[in-house]
């Protein structure tokens, strides 16, 4: 099953490094970088407003644990955002391309 996940990171350079590492390792099949965006959140009991870059990560469900471990190791944040959902519809042509370009277990 193809999934879509999101994380954010502080700089465009760091976003590119993280995206490339996910593709080179074949954990993800595609990573898109948006930004800059503004994230507003509470951290250490204070409201923060930071410029970040959002990574939209396409990957297969069987790679989620590996992807999370990779993020925890490679991401500079103490508590990196990772939110993932199932893709409810994917064209057959795109799905075939994704399978051919990943280390997905059930090829």
PDB file of N, CA and C in Angstrom:
ATOM      1  N   UNK A   1       0.839  -1.164   0.000  1.00  0.00           N
ATOM      2  CA  UNK A   1       0.000   0.000   0.000  1.00  0.00           C
ATOM      3  C   UNK A   1       0.895   1.242   0.000  1.00  0.00           C
ATOM      4  N   UNK A   2       0.594   2.173  -0.875  1.00  0.00           N
ATOM      5  CA  UNK A   2       1.346   3.418  -0.949  1.00  0.00           C
ATOM      6  C   UNK A   2       0.850   4.371   0.140  1.00  0.00           C
ATOM      7  N   UNK A   3       1.792   5.046   0.765  1.00  0.00           N
ATOM      8  CA  UNK A   3       1.505   5.972   1.856  1.00  0.00           C
ATOM      9  C   UNK A   3       2.023   7.352   1.479  1.00  0.00           C
ATOM     10  N   UNK A   4       1.517   8.355   2.183  1.00  0.00           N
ATOM     11  CA  UNK A   4       2.005   9.716   2.046  1.00  0.00           C
ATOM     12  C   UNK A   4       2.282  10.234   3.449  1.00  0.00           C
ATOM     13  N   UNK A   5       3.507  10.699   3.668  1.00  0.00           N
ATOM     14  CA  UNK A   5       3.885  11.193   4.987  1.00  0.00           C
ATOM     15  C   UNK A   5       4.466  12.587   4.905  1.00  0.00           C
ATOM     16  N   UNK A   6       4.434  13.283   6.043  1.00  0.00           N
ATOM     17  CA  UNK A   6       4.939  14.651   6.101  1.00  0.00           C
ATOM     18  C   UNK A   6       5.871  14.826   7.277  1.00  0.00           C
ATOM     19  N   UNK A   7       6.906  15.613   7.031  1.00  0.00           N
ATOM     20  CA  UNK A   7       7.774  16.098   8.088  1.00  0.00           C
ATOM     21  C   UNK A   7       8.194  17.511   7.721  1.00  0.00           C
ATOM     22  N   UNK A   8       8.728  18.231   8.684  1.00  0.00           N
ATOM     23  CA  UNK A   8       9.242  19.573   8.416  1.00  0.00           C
ATOM     24  C   UNK A   8      10.669  19.658   8.922  1.00  0.00           C
ATOM     25  N   UNK A   9      11.406  20.627   8.371  1.00  0.00           N
ATOM     26  CA  UNK A   9      12.812  20.805   8.730  1.00  0.00           C
ATOM     27  C   UNK A   9      13.159  22.278   8.545  1.00  0.00           C
ATOM     28  N   UNK A  10      14.197  22.749   9.208  1.00  0.00           N
ATOM     29  CA  UNK A  10      14.465  24.171   9.312  1.00  0.00           C
ATOM     30  C   UNK A  10      15.003  24.899   8.099  1.00  0.00           C
ATOM     31  N   UNK A  11      15.727  24.214   7.216  1.00  0.00           N
ATOM     32  CA  UNK A  11      16.313  24.912   6.068  1.00  0.00           C
ATOM     33  C   UNK A  11      16.087  24.127   4.785  1.00  0.00           C
ATOM     34  N   UNK A  12      16.148  24.838   3.672  1.00  0.00           N
ATOM     35  CA  UNK A  12      16.003  24.172   2.374  1.00  0.00           C
ATOM     36  C   UNK A  12      17.161  23.212   2.127  1.00  0.00           C
ATOM     37  N   UNK A  13      18.361  23.591   2.534  1.00  0.00           N
ATOM     38  CA  UNK A  13      19.520  22.710   2.359  1.00  0.00           C
ATOM     39  C   UNK A  13      19.329  21.408   3.139  1.00  0.00           C
ATOM     40  N   UNK A  14      18.873  21.505   4.382  1.00  0.00           N
ATOM     41  CA  UNK A  14      18.629  20.307   5.193  1.00  0.00           C
ATOM     42  C   UNK A  14      17.506  19.466   4.596  1.00  0.00           C
ATOM     43  N   UNK A  15      16.485  20.119   4.046  1.00  0.00           N
ATOM     44  CA  UNK A  15      15.385  19.398   3.392  1.00  0.00           C
ATOM     45  C   UNK A  15      15.904  18.601   2.202  1.00  0.00           C
ATOM     46  N   UNK A  16      16.775  19.201   1.411  1.00  0.00           N
ATOM     47  CA  UNK A  16      17.342  18.502   0.258  1.00  0.00           C
ATOM     48  C   UNK A  16      18.201  17.317   0.676  1.00  0.00           C
ATOM     49  N   UNK A  17      18.999  17.486   1.717  1.00  0.00           N
ATOM     50  CA  UNK A  17      19.839  16.384   2.209  1.00  0.00           C
ATOM     51  C   UNK A  17      18.963  15.232   2.688  1.00  0.00           C
ATOM     52  N   UNK A  18      17.940  15.532   3.475  1.00  0.00           N
ATOM     53  CA  UNK A  18      17.052  14.496   3.995  1.00  0.00           C
ATOM     54  C   UNK A  18      16.295  13.810   2.865  1.00  0.00           C
ATOM     55  N   UNK A  19      15.767  14.585   1.928  1.00  0.00           N
ATOM     56  CA  UNK A  19      15.030  14.013   0.795  1.00  0.00           C
ATOM     57  C   UNK A  19      15.923  13.077  -0.014  1.00  0.00           C
ATOM     58  N   UNK A  20      17.127  13.524  -0.333  1.00  0.00           N
ATOM     59  CA  UNK A  20      18.048  12.687  -1.117  1.00  0.00           C
ATOM     60  C   UNK A  20      18.408  11.404  -0.378  1.00  0.00           C
ATOM     61  N   UNK A  21      18.584  11.490   0.939  1.00  0.00           N
ATOM     62  CA  UNK A  21      18.933  10.287   1.700  1.00  0.00           C
ATOM     63  C   UNK A  21      17.793   9.271   1.676  1.00  0.00           C
ATOM     64  N   UNK A  22      16.549   9.747   1.690  1.00  0.00           N
ATOM     65  CA  UNK A  22      15.397   8.838   1.621  1.00  0.00           C
ATOM     66  C   UNK A  22      15.282   8.175   0.249  1.00  0.00           C
ATOM     67  N   UNK A  23      15.620   8.912  -0.808  1.00  0.00           N
ATOM     68  CA  UNK A  23      15.559   8.357  -2.163  1.00  0.00           C
ATOM     69  C   UNK A  23      16.742   7.430  -2.415  1.00  0.00           C
ATOM     70  N   UNK A  24      17.950   7.854  -2.032  1.00  0.00           N
ATOM     71  CA  UNK A  24      19.140   7.028  -2.250  1.00  0.00           C
ATOM     72  C   UNK A  24      19.034   5.687  -1.543  1.00  0.00           C
ATOM     73  N   UNK A  25      18.440   5.668  -0.369  1.00  0.00           N
ATOM     74  CA  UNK A  25      18.290   4.427   0.395  1.00  0.00           C
ATOM     75  C   UNK A  25      17.101   3.595  -0.079  1.00  0.00           C
ATOM     76  N   UNK A  26      16.318   4.124  -1.001  1.00  0.00           N
ATOM     77  CA  UNK A  26      15.108   3.501  -1.542  1.00  0.00           C
ATOM     78  C   UNK A  26      14.045   3.250  -0.476  1.00  0.00           C
ATOM     79  N   UNK A  27      14.082   4.033   0.588  1.00  0.00           N
ATOM     80  CA  UNK A  27      13.023   3.977   1.593  1.00  0.00           C
ATOM     81  C   UNK A  27      11.778   4.663   1.051  1.00  0.00           C
ATOM     82  N   UNK A  28      11.978   5.767   0.341  1.00  0.00           N
ATOM     83  CA  UNK A  28      10.879   6.524  -0.263  1.00  0.00           C
ATOM     84  C   UNK A  28      11.022   6.485  -1.778  1.00  0.00           C
ATOM     85  N   UNK A  29       9.893   6.654  -2.469  1.00  0.00           N
ATOM     86  CA  UNK A  29       9.932   6.668  -3.937  1.00  0.00           C
ATOM     87  C   UNK A  29       9.927   8.081  -4.495  1.00  0.00           C
ATOM     88  N   UNK A  30       9.454   9.053  -3.717  1.00  0.00           N
ATOM     89  CA  UNK A  30       9.421  10.441  -4.159  1.00  0.00           C
ATOM     90  C   UNK A  30       9.302  11.330  -2.929  1.00  0.00           C
ATOM     91  N   UNK A  31      10.045  12.421  -2.933  1.00  0.00           N
ATOM     92  CA  UNK A  31       9.934  13.409  -1.863  1.00  0.00           C
ATOM     93  C   UNK A  31       9.796  14.776  -2.518  1.00  0.00           C
ATOM     94  N   UNK A  32       8.759  15.488  -2.142  1.00  0.00           N
ATOM     95  CA  UNK A  32       8.555  16.847  -2.639  1.00  0.00           C
ATOM     96  C   UNK A  32       8.794  17.821  -1.494  1.00  0.00           C
ATOM     97  N   UNK A  33       9.444  18.937  -1.811  1.00  0.00           N
ATOM     98  CA  UNK A  33       9.790  19.940  -0.806  1.00  0.00           C
ATOM     99  C   UNK A  33       8.990  21.208  -1.076  1.00  0.00           C
ATOM    100  N   UNK A  34       8.239  21.652  -0.071  1.00  0.00           N
ATOM    101  CA  UNK A  34       7.464  22.895  -0.139  1.00  0.00           C
ATOM    102  C   UNK A  34       8.059  23.891   0.843  1.00  0.00           C
ATOM    103  N   UNK A  35       8.002  25.151   0.469  1.00  0.00           N
ATOM    104  CA  UNK A  35       8.398  26.139   1.451  1.00  0.00           C
ATOM    105  C   UNK A  35       9.099  27.318   0.834  1.00  0.00           C
ATOM    106  N   UNK A  36       9.386  28.241   1.676  1.00  0.00           N
ATOM    107  CA  UNK A  36       9.212  28.143   3.121  1.00  0.00           C
ATOM    108  C   UNK A  36       7.748  28.253   3.549  1.00  0.00           C
ATOM    109  N   UNK A  37       7.458  27.612   4.664  1.00  0.00           N
ATOM    110  CA  UNK A  37       6.148  27.688   5.295  1.00  0.00           C
ATOM    111  C   UNK A  37       6.361  28.225   6.711  1.00  0.00           C
ATOM    112  N   UNK A  38       5.306  28.663   7.342  1.00  0.00           N
ATOM    113  CA  UNK A  38       5.389  29.103   8.732  1.00  0.00           C
ATOM    114  C   UNK A  38       4.679  28.084   9.606  1.00  0.00           C
ATOM    115  N   UNK A  39       5.387  27.574  10.601  1.00  0.00           N
ATOM    116  CA  UNK A  39       4.803  26.647  11.570  1.00  0.00           C
ATOM    117  C   UNK A  39       4.644  27.373  12.900  1.00  0.00           C
ATOM    118  N   UNK A  40       3.454  27.271  13.466  1.00  0.00           N
ATOM    119  CA  UNK A  40       3.173  27.876  14.770  1.00  0.00           C
ATOM    120  C   UNK A  40       2.782  26.743  15.708  1.00  0.00           C
ATOM    121  N   UNK A  41       3.477  26.644  16.836  1.00  0.00           N
ATOM    122  CA  UNK A  41       3.287  25.512  17.745  1.00  0.00           C
ATOM    123  C   UNK A  41       3.762  25.903  19.143  1.00  0.00           C
ATOM    124  N   UNK A  42       3.449  25.051  20.106  1.00  0.00           N
ATOM    125  CA  UNK A  42       3.899  25.276  21.484  1.00  0.00           C
ATOM    126  C   UNK A  42       5.083  24.349  21.753  1.00  0.00           C
ATOM    127  N   UNK A  43       6.166  24.909  22.311  1.00  0.00           N
ATOM    128  CA  UNK A  43       7.349  24.128  22.677  1.00  0.00           C
ATOM    129  C   UNK A  43       7.880  24.689  23.986  1.00  0.00           C
ATOM    130  N   UNK A  44       8.117  23.825  24.959  1.00  0.00           N
ATOM    131  CA  UNK A  44       8.577  24.248  26.288  1.00  0.00           C
ATOM    132  C   UNK A  44       7.689  25.352  26.863  1.00  0.00           C
ATOM    133  N   UNK A  45       6.387  25.164  26.706  1.00  0.00           N
ATOM    134  CA  UNK A  45       5.378  26.076  27.266  1.00  0.00           C
ATOM    135  C   UNK A  45       5.368  27.471  26.652  1.00  0.00           C
ATOM    136  N   UNK A  46       6.003  27.623  25.499  1.00  0.00           N
ATOM    137  CA  UNK A  46       5.979  28.909  24.806  1.00  0.00           C
ATOM    138  C   UNK A  46       5.510  28.714  23.374  1.00  0.00           C
ATOM    139  N   UNK A  47       4.750  29.673  22.872  1.00  0.00           N
ATOM    140  CA  UNK A  47       4.299  29.614  21.481  1.00  0.00           C
ATOM    141  C   UNK A  47       5.455  30.031  20.581  1.00  0.00           C
ATOM    142  N   UNK A  48       5.728  29.194  19.608  1.00  0.00           N
ATOM    143  CA  UNK A  48       6.819  29.414  18.657  1.00  0.00           C
ATOM    144  C   UNK A  48       6.242  29.691  17.276  1.00  0.00           C
ATOM    145  N   UNK A  49       6.962  30.449  16.485  1.00  0.00           N
ATOM    146  CA  UNK A  49       6.623  30.679  15.081  1.00  0.00           C
ATOM    147  C   UNK A  49       7.927  30.584  14.304  1.00  0.00           C
ATOM    148  N   UNK A  50       8.030  29.564  13.459  1.00  0.00           N
ATOM    149  CA  UNK A  50       9.288  29.293  12.762  1.00  0.00           C
ATOM    150  C   UNK A  50       9.059  29.101  11.274  1.00  0.00           C
ATOM    151  N   UNK A  51      10.026  29.520  10.490  1.00  0.00           N
ATOM    152  CA  UNK A  51      10.029  29.209   9.059  1.00  0.00           C
ATOM    153  C   UNK A  51      10.610  27.811   8.894  1.00  0.00           C
ATOM    154  N   UNK A  52       9.917  26.971   8.136  1.00  0.00           N
ATOM    155  CA  UNK A  52      10.361  25.600   7.900  1.00  0.00           C
ATOM    156  C   UNK A  52      10.102  25.226   6.448  1.00  0.00           C
ATOM    157  N   UNK A  53      10.581  24.051   6.085  1.00  0.00           N
ATOM    158  CA  UNK A  53      10.312  23.458   4.784  1.00  0.00           C
ATOM    159  C   UNK A  53       9.629  22.123   5.025  1.00  0.00           C
ATOM    160  N   UNK A  54       8.551  21.873   4.265  1.00  0.00           N
ATOM    161  CA  UNK A  54       7.760  20.657   4.431  1.00  0.00           C
ATOM    162  C   UNK A  54       8.184  19.633   3.384  1.00  0.00           C
ATOM    163  N   UNK A  55       8.418  18.412   3.832  1.00  0.00           N
ATOM    164  CA  UNK A  55       8.703  17.303   2.935  1.00  0.00           C
ATOM    165  C   UNK A  55       7.473  16.415   2.870  1.00  0.00           C
ATOM    166  N   UNK A  56       6.977  16.189   1.662  1.00  0.00           N
ATOM    167  CA  UNK A  56       5.889  15.235   1.418  1.00  0.00           C
ATOM    168  C   UNK A  56       6.553  13.984   0.864  1.00  0.00           C
ATOM    169  N   UNK A  57       6.411  12.883   1.587  1.00  0.00           N
ATOM    170  CA  UNK A  57       7.159  11.663   1.294  1.00  0.00           C
ATOM    171  C   UNK A  57       6.206  10.564   0.839  1.00  0.00           C
ATOM    172  N   UNK A  58       6.442  10.017  -0.352  1.00  0.00           N
ATOM    173  CA  UNK A  58       5.665   8.875  -0.841  1.00  0.00           C
ATOM    174  C   UNK A  58       6.498   7.621  -0.604  1.00  0.00           C
ATOM    175  N   UNK A  59       5.873   6.622   0.031  1.00  0.00           N
ATOM    176  CA  UNK A  59       6.592   5.403   0.404  1.00  0.00           C
ATOM    177  C   UNK A  59       5.590   4.269   0.578  1.00  0.00           C
ATOM    178  N   UNK A  60       6.090   3.044   0.658  1.00  0.00           N
ATOM    179  CA  UNK A  60       5.222   1.893   0.882  1.00  0.00           C
ATOM    180  C   UNK A  60       5.124   1.586   2.376  1.00  0.00           C
ATOM    181  N   UNK A  61       3.964   1.103   2.789  1.00  0.00           N
ATOM    182  CA  UNK A  61       3.673   0.868   4.204  1.00  0.00           C
ATOM    183  C   UNK A  61       4.718  -0.022   4.871  1.00  0.00           C
ATOM    184  N   UNK A  62       5.259  -0.994   4.136  1.00  0.00           N
ATOM    185  CA  UNK A  62       6.247  -1.886   4.743  1.00  0.00           C
ATOM    186  C   UNK A  62       7.580  -1.191   5.026  1.00  0.00           C
ATOM    187  N   UNK A  63       7.722   0.044   4.603  1.00  0.00           N
ATOM    188  CA  UNK A  63       8.940   0.816   4.848  1.00  0.00           C
ATOM    189  C   UNK A  63       8.775   1.803   6.009  1.00  0.00           C
ATOM    190  N   UNK A  64       7.594   1.867   6.612  1.00  0.00           N
ATOM    191  CA  UNK A  64       7.327   2.904   7.615  1.00  0.00           C
ATOM    192  C   UNK A  64       8.270   2.836   8.812  1.00  0.00           C
ATOM    193  N   UNK A  65       8.499   1.654   9.368  1.00  0.00           N
ATOM    194  CA  UNK A  65       9.390   1.548  10.527  1.00  0.00           C
ATOM    195  C   UNK A  65      10.803   1.973  10.167  1.00  0.00           C
ATOM    196  N   UNK A  66      11.276   1.535   8.997  1.00  0.00           N
ATOM    197  CA  UNK A  66      12.602   1.917   8.527  1.00  0.00           C
ATOM    198  C   UNK A  66      12.677   3.424   8.299  1.00  0.00           C
ATOM    199  N   UNK A  67      11.613   3.987   7.734  1.00  0.00           N
ATOM    200  CA  UNK A  67      11.567   5.421   7.484  1.00  0.00           C
ATOM    201  C   UNK A  67      11.608   6.200   8.803  1.00  0.00           C
ATOM    202  N   UNK A  68      10.823   5.768   9.782  1.00  0.00           N
ATOM    203  CA  UNK A  68      10.827   6.438  11.086  1.00  0.00           C
ATOM    204  C   UNK A  68      12.205   6.366  11.734  1.00  0.00           C
ATOM    205  N   UNK A  69      12.846   5.204  11.658  1.00  0.00           N
ATOM    206  CA  UNK A  69      14.188   5.054  12.229  1.00  0.00           C
ATOM    207  C   UNK A  69      15.178   5.972  11.514  1.00  0.00           C
ATOM    208  N   UNK A  70      15.056   6.059  10.199  1.00  0.00           N
ATOM    209  CA  UNK A  70      15.925   6.934   9.410  1.00  0.00           C
ATOM    210  C   UNK A  70      15.711   8.393   9.822  1.00  0.00           C
ATOM    211  N   UNK A  71      14.458   8.812   9.968  1.00  0.00           N
ATOM    212  CA  UNK A  71      14.168  10.187  10.395  1.00  0.00           C
ATOM    213  C   UNK A  71      14.755  10.473  11.776  1.00  0.00           C
ATOM    214  N   UNK A  72      14.574   9.545  12.699  1.00  0.00           N
ATOM    215  CA  UNK A  72      15.080   9.758  14.056  1.00  0.00           C
ATOM    216  C   UNK A  72      16.597   9.873  14.085  1.00  0.00           C
ATOM    217  N   UNK A  73      17.268   9.212  13.153  1.00  0.00           N
ATOM    218  CA  UNK A  73      18.729   9.270  13.084  1.00  0.00           C
ATOM    219  C   UNK A  73      19.211  10.496  12.303  1.00  0.00           C
ATOM    220  N   UNK A  74      18.579  10.785  11.164  1.00  0.00           N
ATOM    221  CA  UNK A  74      19.081  11.801  10.238  1.00  0.00           C
ATOM    222  C   UNK A  74      18.502  13.197  10.466  1.00  0.00           C
ATOM    223  N   UNK A  75      17.373  13.294  11.138  1.00  0.00           N
ATOM    224  CA  UNK A  75      16.694  14.582  11.309  1.00  0.00           C
ATOM    225  C   UNK A  75      17.331  15.362  12.457  1.00  0.00           C
ATOM    226  N   UNK A  76      17.588  16.661  12.269  1.00  0.00           N
ATOM    227  CA  UNK A  76      18.230  17.437  13.332  1.00  0.00           C
ATOM    228  C   UNK A  76      17.312  17.798  14.509  1.00  0.00           C
ATOM    229  N   UNK A  77      15.998  17.662  14.355  1.00  0.00           N
ATOM    230  CA  UNK A  77      15.086  18.039  15.437  1.00  0.00           C
ATOM    231  C   UNK A  77      15.083  16.981  16.537  1.00  0.00           C
ATOM    232  N   UNK A  78      14.875  17.421  17.768  1.00  0.00           N
ATOM    233  CA  UNK A  78      14.747  16.519  18.912  1.00  0.00           C
ATOM    234  C   UNK A  78      13.520  15.619  18.770  1.00  0.00           C
ATOM    235  N   UNK A  79      12.447  16.184  18.240  1.00  0.00           N
ATOM    236  CA  UNK A  79      11.187  15.457  18.086  1.00  0.00           C
ATOM    237  C   UNK A  79      10.615  15.748  16.698  1.00  0.00           C
ATOM    238  N   UNK A  80      11.163  15.094  15.651  1.00  0.00           N
ATOM    239  CA  UNK A  80      10.703  15.417  14.294  1.00  0.00           C
ATOM    240  C   UNK A  80       9.251  15.003  14.062  1.00  0.00           C
ATOM    241  N   UNK A  81       8.537  15.882  13.395  1.00  0.00           N
ATOM    242  CA  UNK A  81       7.164  15.569  12.988  1.00  0.00           C
ATOM    243  C   UNK A  81       7.199  14.409  11.995  1.00  0.00           C
ATOM    244  N   UNK A  82       6.314  13.430  12.175  1.00  0.00           N
ATOM    245  CA  UNK A  82       6.102  12.388  11.177  1.00  0.00           C
ATOM    246  C   UNK A  82       4.637  11.986  11.244  1.00  0.00           C
ATOM    247  N   UNK A  83       3.905  12.336  10.212  1.00  0.00           N
ATOM    248  CA  UNK A  83       2.485  12.008  10.096  1.00  0.00           C
ATOM    249  C   UNK A  83       2.315  11.319   8.757  1.00  0.00           C
ATOM    250  N   UNK A  84       1.667  10.155   8.757  1.00  0.00           N
ATOM    251  CA  UNK A  84       1.508   9.405   7.510  1.00  0.00           C
ATOM    252  C   UNK A  84       0.081   8.887   7.377  1.00  0.00           C
ATOM    253  N   UNK A  85      -0.400   8.865   6.144  1.00  0.00           N
ATOM    254  CA  UNK A  85      -1.738   8.352   5.831  1.00  0.00           C
ATOM    255  C   UNK A  85      -1.647   7.442   4.611  1.00  0.00           C
ATOM    256  N   UNK A  86      -2.640   6.571   4.491  1.00  0.00           N
ATOM    257  CA  UNK A  86      -2.729   5.698   3.325  1.00  0.00           C
ATOM    258  C   UNK A  86      -3.237   6.489   2.125  1.00  0.00           C
ATOM    259  N   UNK A  87      -2.681   6.208   0.970  1.00  0.00           N
ATOM    260  CA  UNK A  87      -3.214   6.782  -0.269  1.00  0.00           C
ATOM    261  C   UNK A  87      -4.442   5.958  -0.646  1.00  0.00           C
ATOM    262  N   UNK A  88      -5.588   6.583  -0.744  1.00  0.00           N
ATOM    263  CA  UNK A  88      -6.817   5.842  -1.023  1.00  0.00           C
ATOM    264  C   UNK A  88      -6.989   5.526  -2.499  1.00  0.00           C
ATOM    265  N   UNK A  89      -6.328   6.272  -3.359  1.00  0.00           N
ATOM    266  CA  UNK A  89      -6.376   5.965  -4.789  1.00  0.00           C
ATOM    267  C   UNK A  89      -5.051   6.366  -5.424  1.00  0.00           C
ATOM    268  N   UNK A  90      -4.474   5.435  -6.161  1.00  0.00           N
ATOM    269  CA  UNK A  90      -3.231   5.676  -6.893  1.00  0.00           C
ATOM    270  C   UNK A  90      -3.402   5.041  -8.263  1.00  0.00           C
ATOM    271  N   UNK A  91      -3.081   5.764  -9.322  1.00  0.00           N
ATOM    272  CA  UNK A  91      -3.207   5.173 -10.657  1.00  0.00           C
ATOM    273  C   UNK A  91      -2.270   3.978 -10.782  1.00  0.00           C
ATOM    274  N   UNK A  92      -2.678   2.997 -11.555  1.00  0.00           N
ATOM    275  CA  UNK A  92      -1.865   1.792 -11.751  1.00  0.00           C
ATOM    276  C   UNK A  92      -0.498   2.128 -12.331  1.00  0.00           C
ATOM    277  N   UNK A  93      -0.470   3.062 -13.263  1.00  0.00           N
ATOM    278  CA  UNK A  93       0.794   3.437 -13.896  1.00  0.00           C
ATOM    279  C   UNK A  93       1.761   4.041 -12.868  1.00  0.00           C
ATOM    280  N   UNK A  94       1.261   4.930 -12.006  1.00  0.00           N
ATOM    281  CA  UNK A  94       2.112   5.535 -10.979  1.00  0.00           C
ATOM    282  C   UNK A  94       2.544   4.482  -9.961  1.00  0.00           C
ATOM    283  N   UNK A  95       1.629   3.606  -9.575  1.00  0.00           N
ATOM    284  CA  UNK A  95       1.950   2.562  -8.608  1.00  0.00           C
ATOM    285  C   UNK A  95       3.033   1.633  -9.149  1.00  0.00           C
ATOM    286  N   UNK A  96       2.951   1.277 -10.423  1.00  0.00           N
ATOM    287  CA  UNK A  96       3.981   0.437 -11.050  1.00  0.00           C
ATOM    288  C   UNK A  96       5.331   1.134 -11.024  1.00  0.00           C
ATOM    289  N   UNK A  97       5.328   2.422 -11.356  1.00  0.00           N
ATOM    290  CA  UNK A  97       6.574   3.191 -11.313  1.00  0.00           C
ATOM    291  C   UNK A  97       7.132   3.207  -9.890  1.00  0.00           C
ATOM    292  N   UNK A  98       6.268   3.436  -8.899  1.00  0.00           N
ATOM    293  CA  UNK A  98       6.704   3.499  -7.505  1.00  0.00           C
ATOM    294  C   UNK A  98       7.315   2.172  -7.060  1.00  0.00           C
ATOM    295  N   UNK A  99       6.686   1.070  -7.410  1.00  0.00           N
ATOM    296  CA  UNK A  99       7.217  -0.249  -7.044  1.00  0.00           C
ATOM    297  C   UNK A  99       8.576  -0.494  -7.673  1.00  0.00           C
ATOM    298  N   UNK A 100       8.740  -0.051  -8.905  1.00  0.00           N
ATOM    299  CA  UNK A 100      10.005  -0.257  -9.614  1.00  0.00           C
ATOM    300  C   UNK A 100      11.133   0.606  -9.050  1.00  0.00           C
ATOM    301  N   UNK A 101      10.794   1.625  -8.283  1.00  0.00           N
ATOM    302  CA  UNK A 101      11.797   2.562  -7.785  1.00  0.00           C
ATOM    303  C   UNK A 101      11.893   2.581  -6.267  1.00  0.00           C
ATOM    304  N   UNK A 102      11.602   1.442  -5.652  1.00  0.00           N
ATOM    305  CA  UNK A 102      11.702   1.347  -4.196  1.00  0.00           C
ATOM    306  C   UNK A 102      12.224  -0.028  -3.815  1.00  0.00           C
ATOM    307  N   UNK A 103      12.496  -0.197  -2.541  1.00  0.00           N
ATOM    308  CA  UNK A 103      12.877  -1.515  -2.040  1.00  0.00           C
ATOM    309  C   UNK A 103      11.657  -2.191  -1.412  1.00  0.00           C
ATOM    310  N   UNK A 104      10.478  -1.834  -1.918  1.00  0.00           N
ATOM    311  CA  UNK A 104       9.201  -2.395  -1.453  1.00  0.00           C
ATOM    312  C   UNK A 104       9.266  -3.918  -1.488  1.00  0.00           C
ATOM    313  N   UNK A 105       8.829  -4.577  -0.414  1.00  0.00           N
ATOM    314  CA  UNK A 105       8.984  -6.025  -0.272  1.00  0.00           C
ATOM    315  C   UNK A 105       8.123  -6.858  -1.208  1.00  0.00           C
ATOM    316  N   UNK A 106       6.915  -6.422  -1.495  1.00  0.00           N
ATOM    317  CA  UNK A 106       6.019  -7.269  -2.287  1.00  0.00           C
ATOM    318  C   UNK A 106       5.941  -6.802  -3.736  1.00  0.00           C
ATOM    319  N   UNK A 107       7.081  -6.829  -4.402  1.00  0.00           N
ATOM    320  CA  UNK A 107       7.105  -6.422  -5.811  1.00  0.00           C
ATOM    321  C   UNK A 107       6.428  -7.472  -6.627  1.00  0.00           C
TER     322      UNK A 107
END
